[in-house]
Amino acid sequence: MERKEIIDGLVEILQTVRTIDQEKLKDIKEETDFIADLKTPSTEMINIAAKAEQKFDLEFDDDDIDDLGSKVRDFVDLIIKTKANS
């Protein structure tokens, strides 16, 4: 799975989150920070992770979720790592 494909999938998930400014999703990059740039509440990060598990048909390890950074790149790396280990 390509990184671009994963980012596109994450954008689809983020479009369902009411607290995120939808305009900011048009210019999302790997360096985009969920909390600083998209103003995502930290509590919403768990919901985003759960939706990513469903969308990409995988299950994250709890420790990986605990250690997850707040950049889009961190989510992409986690998805690739989890896919590789499954």
PDB file of N, CA and C in Angstrom:
ATOM      1  N   MET A   1       0.848  -1.192   0.000  1.00  0.00           N
ATOM      2  CA  MET A   1       0.000   0.000   0.000  1.00  0.00           C
ATOM      3  C   MET A   1       0.889   1.249   0.000  1.00  0.00           C
ATOM      4  N   GLU A   2       0.593   2.151  -0.890  1.00  0.00           N
ATOM      5  CA  GLU A   2       1.367   3.384  -1.035  1.00  0.00           C
ATOM      6  C   GLU A   2       1.055   4.378   0.080  1.00  0.00           C
ATOM      7  N   ARG A   3       2.039   5.196   0.431  1.00  0.00           N
ATOM      8  CA  ARG A   3       1.847   6.211   1.466  1.00  0.00           C
ATOM      9  C   ARG A   3       0.731   7.182   1.063  1.00  0.00           C
ATOM     10  N   LYS A   4       0.682   7.544  -0.214  1.00  0.00           N
ATOM     11  CA  LYS A   4      -0.344   8.476  -0.708  1.00  0.00           C
ATOM     12  C   LYS A   4      -1.744   7.880  -0.514  1.00  0.00           C
ATOM     13  N   GLU A   5      -1.861   6.591  -0.791  1.00  0.00           N
ATOM     14  CA  GLU A   5      -3.132   5.879  -0.609  1.00  0.00           C
ATOM     15  C   GLU A   5      -3.587   5.942   0.854  1.00  0.00           C
ATOM     16  N   ILE A   6      -2.631   5.755   1.750  1.00  0.00           N
ATOM     17  CA  ILE A   6      -2.938   5.790   3.181  1.00  0.00           C
ATOM     18  C   ILE A   6      -3.365   7.201   3.590  1.00  0.00           C
ATOM     19  N   ILE A   7      -2.646   8.210   3.113  1.00  0.00           N
ATOM     20  CA  ILE A   7      -3.003   9.593   3.443  1.00  0.00           C
ATOM     21  C   ILE A   7      -4.401   9.903   2.922  1.00  0.00           C
ATOM     22  N   ASP A   8      -4.708   9.473   1.706  1.00  0.00           N
ATOM     23  CA  ASP A   8      -6.055   9.694   1.157  1.00  0.00           C
ATOM     24  C   ASP A   8      -7.115   9.040   2.037  1.00  0.00           C
ATOM     25  N   GLY A   9      -6.814   7.838   2.536  1.00  0.00           N
ATOM     26  CA  GLY A   9      -7.735   7.155   3.425  1.00  0.00           C
ATOM     27  C   GLY A   9      -7.900   7.889   4.745  1.00  0.00           C
ATOM     28  N   LEU A  10      -6.794   8.425   5.264  1.00  0.00           N
ATOM     29  CA  LEU A  10      -6.867   9.202   6.503  1.00  0.00           C
ATOM     30  C   LEU A  10      -7.694  10.470   6.304  1.00  0.00           C
ATOM     31  N   VAL A  11      -7.546  11.108   5.150  1.00  0.00           N
ATOM     32  CA  VAL A  11      -8.341  12.311   4.866  1.00  0.00           C
ATOM     33  C   VAL A  11      -9.825  11.958   4.856  1.00  0.00           C
ATOM     34  N   GLU A  12     -10.180  10.812   4.260  1.00  0.00           N
ATOM     35  CA  GLU A  12     -11.581  10.379   4.267  1.00  0.00           C
ATOM     36  C   GLU A  12     -12.094  10.231   5.695  1.00  0.00           C
ATOM     37  N   ILE A  13     -11.265   9.673   6.571  1.00  0.00           N
ATOM     38  CA  ILE A  13     -11.637   9.527   7.977  1.00  0.00           C
ATOM     39  C   ILE A  13     -11.791  10.909   8.615  1.00  0.00           C
ATOM     40  N   LEU A  14     -10.832  11.782   8.369  1.00  0.00           N
ATOM     41  CA  LEU A  14     -10.840  13.109   8.989  1.00  0.00           C
ATOM     42  C   LEU A  14     -12.029  13.955   8.528  1.00  0.00           C
ATOM     43  N   GLN A  15     -12.511  13.675   7.334  1.00  0.00           N
ATOM     44  CA  GLN A  15     -13.683  14.411   6.842  1.00  0.00           C
ATOM     45  C   GLN A  15     -14.931  14.105   7.669  1.00  0.00           C
ATOM     46  N   THR A  16     -14.896  13.028   8.445  1.00  0.00           N
ATOM     47  CA  THR A  16     -16.048  12.672   9.277  1.00  0.00           C
ATOM     48  C   THR A  16     -15.944  13.267  10.687  1.00  0.00           C
ATOM     49  N   VAL A  17     -14.824  13.924  10.970  1.00  0.00           N
ATOM     50  CA  VAL A  17     -14.606  14.492  12.309  1.00  0.00           C
ATOM     51  C   VAL A  17     -15.047  15.957  12.296  1.00  0.00           C
ATOM     52  N   ARG A  18     -16.126  16.224  13.015  1.00  0.00           N
ATOM     53  CA  ARG A  18     -16.715  17.574  12.977  1.00  0.00           C
ATOM     54  C   ARG A  18     -15.801  18.662  13.517  1.00  0.00           C
ATOM     55  N   THR A  19     -14.912  18.310  14.443  1.00  0.00           N
ATOM     56  CA  THR A  19     -14.087  19.333  15.085  1.00  0.00           C
ATOM     57  C   THR A  19     -12.913  19.785  14.220  1.00  0.00           C
ATOM     58  N   ILE A  20     -12.683  19.107  13.106  1.00  0.00           N
ATOM     59  CA  ILE A  20     -11.562  19.466  12.223  1.00  0.00           C
ATOM     60  C   ILE A  20     -12.037  20.412  11.138  1.00  0.00           C
ATOM     61  N   ASP A  21     -11.253  21.478  10.914  1.00  0.00           N
ATOM     62  CA  ASP A  21     -11.548  22.441   9.859  1.00  0.00           C
ATOM     63  C   ASP A  21     -11.335  21.747   8.507  1.00  0.00           C
ATOM     64  N   GLN A  22     -12.421  21.517   7.800  1.00  0.00           N
ATOM     65  CA  GLN A  22     -12.381  20.761   6.540  1.00  0.00           C
ATOM     66  C   GLN A  22     -11.511  21.425   5.475  1.00  0.00           C
ATOM     67  N   GLU A  23     -11.391  22.741   5.519  1.00  0.00           N
ATOM     68  CA  GLU A  23     -10.544  23.461   4.552  1.00  0.00           C
ATOM     69  C   GLU A  23      -9.078  23.030   4.681  1.00  0.00           C
ATOM     70  N   LYS A  24      -8.658  22.739   5.897  1.00  0.00           N
ATOM     71  CA  LYS A  24      -7.259  22.367   6.134  1.00  0.00           C
ATOM     72  C   LYS A  24      -6.935  20.984   5.580  1.00  0.00           C
ATOM     73  N   LEU A  25      -7.946  20.184   5.313  1.00  0.00           N
ATOM     74  CA  LEU A  25      -7.710  18.835   4.799  1.00  0.00           C
ATOM     75  C   LEU A  25      -7.308  18.851   3.327  1.00  0.00           C
ATOM     76  N   LYS A  26      -7.541  19.958   2.650  1.00  0.00           N
ATOM     77  CA  LYS A  26      -7.211  20.044   1.223  1.00  0.00           C
ATOM     78  C   LYS A  26      -5.707  20.061   0.995  1.00  0.00           C
ATOM     79  N   ASP A  27      -4.953  20.488   2.002  1.00  0.00           N
ATOM     80  CA  ASP A  27      -3.507  20.647   1.848  1.00  0.00           C
ATOM     81  C   ASP A  27      -2.743  19.780   2.851  1.00  0.00           C
ATOM     82  N   ILE A  28      -3.286  18.605   3.163  1.00  0.00           N
ATOM     83  CA  ILE A  28      -2.665  17.755   4.174  1.00  0.00           C
ATOM     84  C   ILE A  28      -1.406  17.083   3.618  1.00  0.00           C
ATOM     85  N   LYS A  29      -0.372  17.038   4.450  1.00  0.00           N
ATOM     86  CA  LYS A  29       0.915  16.436   4.081  1.00  0.00           C
ATOM     87  C   LYS A  29       1.355  15.526   5.222  1.00  0.00           C
ATOM     88  N   GLU A  30       2.432  14.789   5.003  1.00  0.00           N
ATOM     89  CA  GLU A  30       2.931  13.911   6.065  1.00  0.00           C
ATOM     90  C   GLU A  30       3.385  14.708   7.285  1.00  0.00           C
ATOM     91  N   GLU A  31       3.818  15.947   7.072  1.00  0.00           N
ATOM     92  CA  GLU A  31       4.294  16.780   8.175  1.00  0.00           C
ATOM     93  C   GLU A  31       3.144  17.433   8.945  1.00  0.00           C
ATOM     94  N   THR A  32       1.928  17.345   8.421  1.00  0.00           N
ATOM     95  CA  THR A  32       0.781  17.953   9.088  1.00  0.00           C
ATOM     96  C   THR A  32       0.604  17.333  10.466  1.00  0.00           C
ATOM     97  N   ASP A  33       0.415  18.198  11.452  1.00  0.00           N
ATOM     98  CA  ASP A  33       0.233  17.753  12.830  1.00  0.00           C
ATOM     99  C   ASP A  33      -1.259  17.786  13.159  1.00  0.00           C
ATOM    100  N   PHE A  34      -1.780  16.647  13.602  1.00  0.00           N
ATOM    101  CA  PHE A  34      -3.212  16.562  13.917  1.00  0.00           C
ATOM    102  C   PHE A  34      -3.621  17.604  14.957  1.00  0.00           C
ATOM    103  N   ILE A  35      -2.805  17.760  15.984  1.00  0.00           N
ATOM    104  CA  ILE A  35      -3.176  18.633  17.097  1.00  0.00           C
ATOM    105  C   ILE A  35      -2.858  20.098  16.792  1.00  0.00           C
ATOM    106  N   ALA A  36      -1.627  20.379  16.365  1.00  0.00           N
ATOM    107  CA  ALA A  36      -1.224  21.769  16.126  1.00  0.00           C
ATOM    108  C   ALA A  36      -1.859  22.360  14.865  1.00  0.00           C
ATOM    109  N   ASP A  37      -1.841  21.599  13.762  1.00  0.00           N
ATOM    110  CA  ASP A  37      -2.306  22.140  12.484  1.00  0.00           C
ATOM    111  C   ASP A  37      -3.812  21.968  12.260  1.00  0.00           C
ATOM    112  N   LEU A  38      -4.334  20.805  12.623  1.00  0.00           N
ATOM    113  CA  LEU A  38      -5.748  20.519  12.363  1.00  0.00           C
ATOM    114  C   LEU A  38      -6.629  20.780  13.582  1.00  0.00           C
ATOM    115  N   LYS A  39      -5.981  21.120  14.704  1.00  0.00           N
ATOM    116  CA  LYS A  39      -6.723  21.421  15.954  1.00  0.00           C
ATOM    117  C   LYS A  39      -7.597  20.241  16.389  1.00  0.00           C
ATOM    118  N   THR A  40      -7.081  19.033  16.176  1.00  0.00           N
ATOM    119  CA  THR A  40      -7.808  17.830  16.578  1.00  0.00           C
ATOM    120  C   THR A  40      -7.697  17.665  18.094  1.00  0.00           C
ATOM    121  N   PRO A  41      -8.806  17.529  18.792  1.00  0.00           N
ATOM    122  CA  PRO A  41      -8.714  17.274  20.237  1.00  0.00           C
ATOM    123  C   PRO A  41      -7.988  15.942  20.471  1.00  0.00           C
ATOM    124  N   SER A  42      -7.139  15.899  21.477  1.00  0.00           N
ATOM    125  CA  SER A  42      -6.377  14.674  21.723  1.00  0.00           C
ATOM    126  C   SER A  42      -7.298  13.481  21.966  1.00  0.00           C
ATOM    127  N   THR A  43      -8.454  13.726  22.543  1.00  0.00           N
ATOM    128  CA  THR A  43      -9.400  12.635  22.775  1.00  0.00           C
ATOM    129  C   THR A  43      -9.922  12.048  21.459  1.00  0.00           C
ATOM    130  N   GLU A  44      -9.942  12.848  20.431  1.00  0.00           N
ATOM    131  CA  GLU A  44     -10.438  12.400  19.120  1.00  0.00           C
ATOM    132  C   GLU A  44      -9.426  11.490  18.422  1.00  0.00           C
ATOM    133  N   MET A  45      -8.170  11.561  18.831  1.00  0.00           N
ATOM    134  CA  MET A  45      -7.126  10.749  18.196  1.00  0.00           C
ATOM    135  C   MET A  45      -7.434   9.245  18.330  1.00  0.00           C
ATOM    136  N   ILE A  46      -8.004   8.842  19.458  1.00  0.00           N
ATOM    137  CA  ILE A  46      -8.348   7.430  19.660  1.00  0.00           C
ATOM    138  C   ILE A  46      -9.435   7.014  18.667  1.00  0.00           C
ATOM    139  N   ASN A  47     -10.422   7.881  18.466  1.00  0.00           N
ATOM    140  CA  ASN A  47     -11.486   7.577  17.491  1.00  0.00           C
ATOM    141  C   ASN A  47     -10.930   7.488  16.079  1.00  0.00           C
ATOM    142  N   ILE A  48     -10.002   8.372  15.756  1.00  0.00           N
ATOM    143  CA  ILE A  48      -9.378   8.345  14.427  1.00  0.00           C
ATOM    144  C   ILE A  48      -8.613   7.030  14.250  1.00  0.00           C
ATOM    145  N   ALA A  49      -7.897   6.626  15.288  1.00  0.00           N
ATOM    146  CA  ALA A  49      -7.156   5.355  15.222  1.00  0.00           C
ATOM    147  C   ALA A  49      -8.121   4.184  15.025  1.00  0.00           C
ATOM    148  N   ALA A  50      -9.245   4.197  15.743  1.00  0.00           N
ATOM    149  CA  ALA A  50     -10.233   3.118  15.609  1.00  0.00           C
ATOM    150  C   ALA A  50     -10.812   3.089  14.199  1.00  0.00           C
ATOM    151  N   LYS A  51     -11.097   4.257  13.655  1.00  0.00           N
ATOM    152  CA  LYS A  51     -11.633   4.314  12.284  1.00  0.00           C
ATOM    153  C   LYS A  51     -10.583   3.853  11.269  1.00  0.00           C
ATOM    154  N   ALA A  52      -9.311   4.169  11.544  1.00  0.00           N
ATOM    155  CA  ALA A  52      -8.229   3.723  10.651  1.00  0.00           C
ATOM    156  C   ALA A  52      -8.114   2.199  10.684  1.00  0.00           C
ATOM    157  N   GLU A  53      -8.296   1.597  11.862  1.00  0.00           N
ATOM    158  CA  GLU A  53      -8.263   0.136  11.963  1.00  0.00           C
ATOM    159  C   GLU A  53      -9.342  -0.476  11.071  1.00  0.00           C
ATOM    160  N   GLN A  54     -10.540   0.093  11.117  1.00  0.00           N
ATOM    161  CA  GLN A  54     -11.639  -0.421  10.293  1.00  0.00           C
ATOM    162  C   GLN A  54     -11.361  -0.213   8.812  1.00  0.00           C
ATOM    163  N   LYS A  55     -10.951   1.003   8.473  1.00  0.00           N
ATOM    164  CA  LYS A  55     -10.756   1.350   7.060  1.00  0.00           C
ATOM    165  C   LYS A  55      -9.666   0.487   6.411  1.00  0.00           C
ATOM    166  N   PHE A  56      -8.570   0.293   7.139  1.00  0.00           N
ATOM    167  CA  PHE A  56      -7.427  -0.423   6.567  1.00  0.00           C
ATOM    168  C   PHE A  56      -7.392  -1.896   6.977  1.00  0.00           C
ATOM    169  N   ASP A  57      -8.442  -2.359   7.667  1.00  0.00           N
ATOM    170  CA  ASP A  57      -8.593  -3.755   8.045  1.00  0.00           C
ATOM    171  C   ASP A  57      -7.371  -4.279   8.799  1.00  0.00           C
ATOM    172  N   LEU A  58      -7.076  -3.633   9.929  1.00  0.00           N
ATOM    173  CA  LEU A  58      -5.960  -4.050  10.763  1.00  0.00           C
ATOM    174  C   LEU A  58      -6.262  -3.715  12.214  1.00  0.00           C
ATOM    175  N   GLU A  59      -5.396  -4.188  13.099  1.00  0.00           N
ATOM    176  CA  GLU A  59      -5.584  -3.905  14.519  1.00  0.00           C
ATOM    177  C   GLU A  59      -4.263  -3.424  15.100  1.00  0.00           C
ATOM    178  N   PHE A  60      -4.286  -2.204  15.638  1.00  0.00           N
ATOM    179  CA  PHE A  60      -3.079  -1.629  16.225  1.00  0.00           C
ATOM    180  C   PHE A  60      -2.818  -2.240  17.592  1.00  0.00           C
ATOM    181  N   ASP A  61      -1.552  -2.370  17.931  1.00  0.00           N
ATOM    182  CA  ASP A  61      -1.147  -2.788  19.261  1.00  0.00           C
ATOM    183  C   ASP A  61      -1.351  -1.606  20.215  1.00  0.00           C
ATOM    184  N   ASP A  62      -1.853  -1.873  21.411  1.00  0.00           N
ATOM    185  CA  ASP A  62      -2.118  -0.790  22.365  1.00  0.00           C
ATOM    186  C   ASP A  62      -0.871   0.052  22.645  1.00  0.00           C
ATOM    187  N   ASP A  63       0.292  -0.594  22.749  1.00  0.00           N
ATOM    188  CA  ASP A  63       1.533   0.143  23.001  1.00  0.00           C
ATOM    189  C   ASP A  63       1.850   1.097  21.849  1.00  0.00           C
ATOM    190  N   ASP A  64       1.573   0.657  20.626  1.00  0.00           N
ATOM    191  CA  ASP A  64       1.810   1.517  19.460  1.00  0.00           C
ATOM    192  C   ASP A  64       0.915   2.749  19.504  1.00  0.00           C
ATOM    193  N   ILE A  65      -0.324   2.574  19.923  1.00  0.00           N
ATOM    194  CA  ILE A  65      -1.254   3.698  20.035  1.00  0.00           C
ATOM    195  C   ILE A  65      -0.761   4.664  21.115  1.00  0.00           C
ATOM    196  N   ASP A  66      -0.304   4.109  22.238  1.00  0.00           N
ATOM    197  CA  ASP A  66       0.208   4.948  23.331  1.00  0.00           C
ATOM    198  C   ASP A  66       1.411   5.774  22.891  1.00  0.00           C
ATOM    199  N   ASP A  67       2.246   5.198  22.011  1.00  0.00           N
ATOM    200  CA  ASP A  67       3.478   5.864  21.574  1.00  0.00           C
ATOM    201  C   ASP A  67       3.297   6.692  20.305  1.00  0.00           C
ATOM    202  N   LEU A  68       2.089   6.703  19.771  1.00  0.00           N
ATOM    203  CA  LEU A  68       1.839   7.372  18.496  1.00  0.00           C
ATOM    204  C   LEU A  68       2.061   8.877  18.587  1.00  0.00           C
ATOM    205  N   GLY A  69       2.808   9.404  17.627  1.00  0.00           N
ATOM    206  CA  GLY A  69       3.011  10.849  17.559  1.00  0.00           C
ATOM    207  C   GLY A  69       1.775  11.522  16.990  1.00  0.00           C
ATOM    208  N   SER A  70       1.835  12.824  16.811  1.00  0.00           N
ATOM    209  CA  SER A  70       0.645  13.551  16.367  1.00  0.00           C
ATOM    210  C   SER A  70       0.716  14.012  14.914  1.00  0.00           C
ATOM    211  N   LYS A  71       1.713  13.557  14.178  1.00  0.00           N
ATOM    212  CA  LYS A  71       1.815  13.936  12.764  1.00  0.00           C
ATOM    213  C   LYS A  71       1.183  12.867  11.876  1.00  0.00           C
ATOM    214  N   VAL A  72       0.732  13.285  10.710  1.00  0.00           N
ATOM    215  CA  VAL A  72       0.151  12.351   9.739  1.00  0.00           C
ATOM    216  C   VAL A  72       1.170  11.253   9.434  1.00  0.00           C
ATOM    217  N   ARG A  73       2.439  11.606   9.314  1.00  0.00           N
ATOM    218  CA  ARG A  73       3.513  10.642   9.034  1.00  0.00           C
ATOM    219  C   ARG A  73       3.511   9.510  10.068  1.00  0.00           C
ATOM    220  N   ASP A  74       3.269   9.853  11.348  1.00  0.00           N
ATOM    221  CA  ASP A  74       3.265   8.843  12.413  1.00  0.00           C
ATOM    222  C   ASP A  74       2.160   7.816  12.183  1.00  0.00           C
ATOM    223  N   PHE A  75       0.990   8.290  11.765  1.00  0.00           N
ATOM    224  CA  PHE A  75      -0.128   7.386  11.473  1.00  0.00           C
ATOM    225  C   PHE A  75       0.202   6.509  10.263  1.00  0.00           C
ATOM    226  N   VAL A  76       0.764   7.116   9.218  1.00  0.00           N
ATOM    227  CA  VAL A  76       1.107   6.367   8.005  1.00  0.00           C
ATOM    228  C   VAL A  76       2.122   5.271   8.346  1.00  0.00           C
ATOM    229  N   ASP A  77       3.155   5.643   9.118  1.00  0.00           N
ATOM    230  CA  ASP A  77       4.174   4.663   9.508  1.00  0.00           C
ATOM    231  C   ASP A  77       3.568   3.526  10.324  1.00  0.00           C
ATOM    232  N   LEU A  78       2.658   3.859  11.234  1.00  0.00           N
ATOM    233  CA  LEU A  78       2.016   2.840  12.065  1.00  0.00           C
ATOM    234  C   LEU A  78       1.178   1.887  11.211  1.00  0.00           C
ATOM    235  N   ILE A  79       0.449   2.421  10.260  1.00  0.00           N
ATOM    236  CA  ILE A  79      -0.377   1.584   9.381  1.00  0.00           C
ATOM    237  C   ILE A  79       0.507   0.639   8.565  1.00  0.00           C
ATOM    238  N   ILE A  80       1.592   1.163   8.013  1.00  0.00           N
ATOM    239  CA  ILE A  80       2.513   0.328   7.214  1.00  0.00           C
ATOM    240  C   ILE A  80       3.148  -0.756   8.093  1.00  0.00           C
ATOM    241  N   LYS A  81       3.580  -0.362   9.296  1.00  0.00           N
ATOM    242  CA  LYS A  81       4.213  -1.323  10.218  1.00  0.00           C
ATOM    243  C   LYS A  81       3.231  -2.417  10.626  1.00  0.00           C
ATOM    244  N   THR A  82       1.995  -2.013  10.937  1.00  0.00           N
ATOM    245  CA  THR A  82       0.990  -2.985  11.374  1.00  0.00           C
ATOM    246  C   THR A  82       0.629  -3.931  10.242  1.00  0.00           C
ATOM    247  N   LYS A  83       0.496  -3.406   9.027  1.00  0.00           N
ATOM    248  CA  LYS A  83       0.191  -4.242   7.858  1.00  0.00           C
ATOM    249  C   LYS A  83       1.313  -5.267   7.640  1.00  0.00           C
ATOM    250  N   ALA A  84       2.567  -4.796   7.775  1.00  0.00           N
ATOM    251  CA  ALA A  84       3.721  -5.683   7.546  1.00  0.00           C
ATOM    252  C   ALA A  84       3.791  -6.801   8.572  1.00  0.00           C
ATOM    253  N   ASN A  85       3.323  -6.531   9.791  1.00  0.00           N
ATOM    254  CA  ASN A  85       3.396  -7.519  10.872  1.00  0.00           C
ATOM    255  C   ASN A  85       2.194  -8.445  10.927  1.00  0.00           C
ATOM    256  N   SER A  86       1.211  -8.206  10.052  1.00  0.00           N
ATOM    257  CA  SER A  86       0.006  -9.054  10.132  1.00  0.00           C
ATOM    258  C   SER A  86       0.024 -10.181   9.128  1.00  0.00           C
TER     259      SER A  86
END
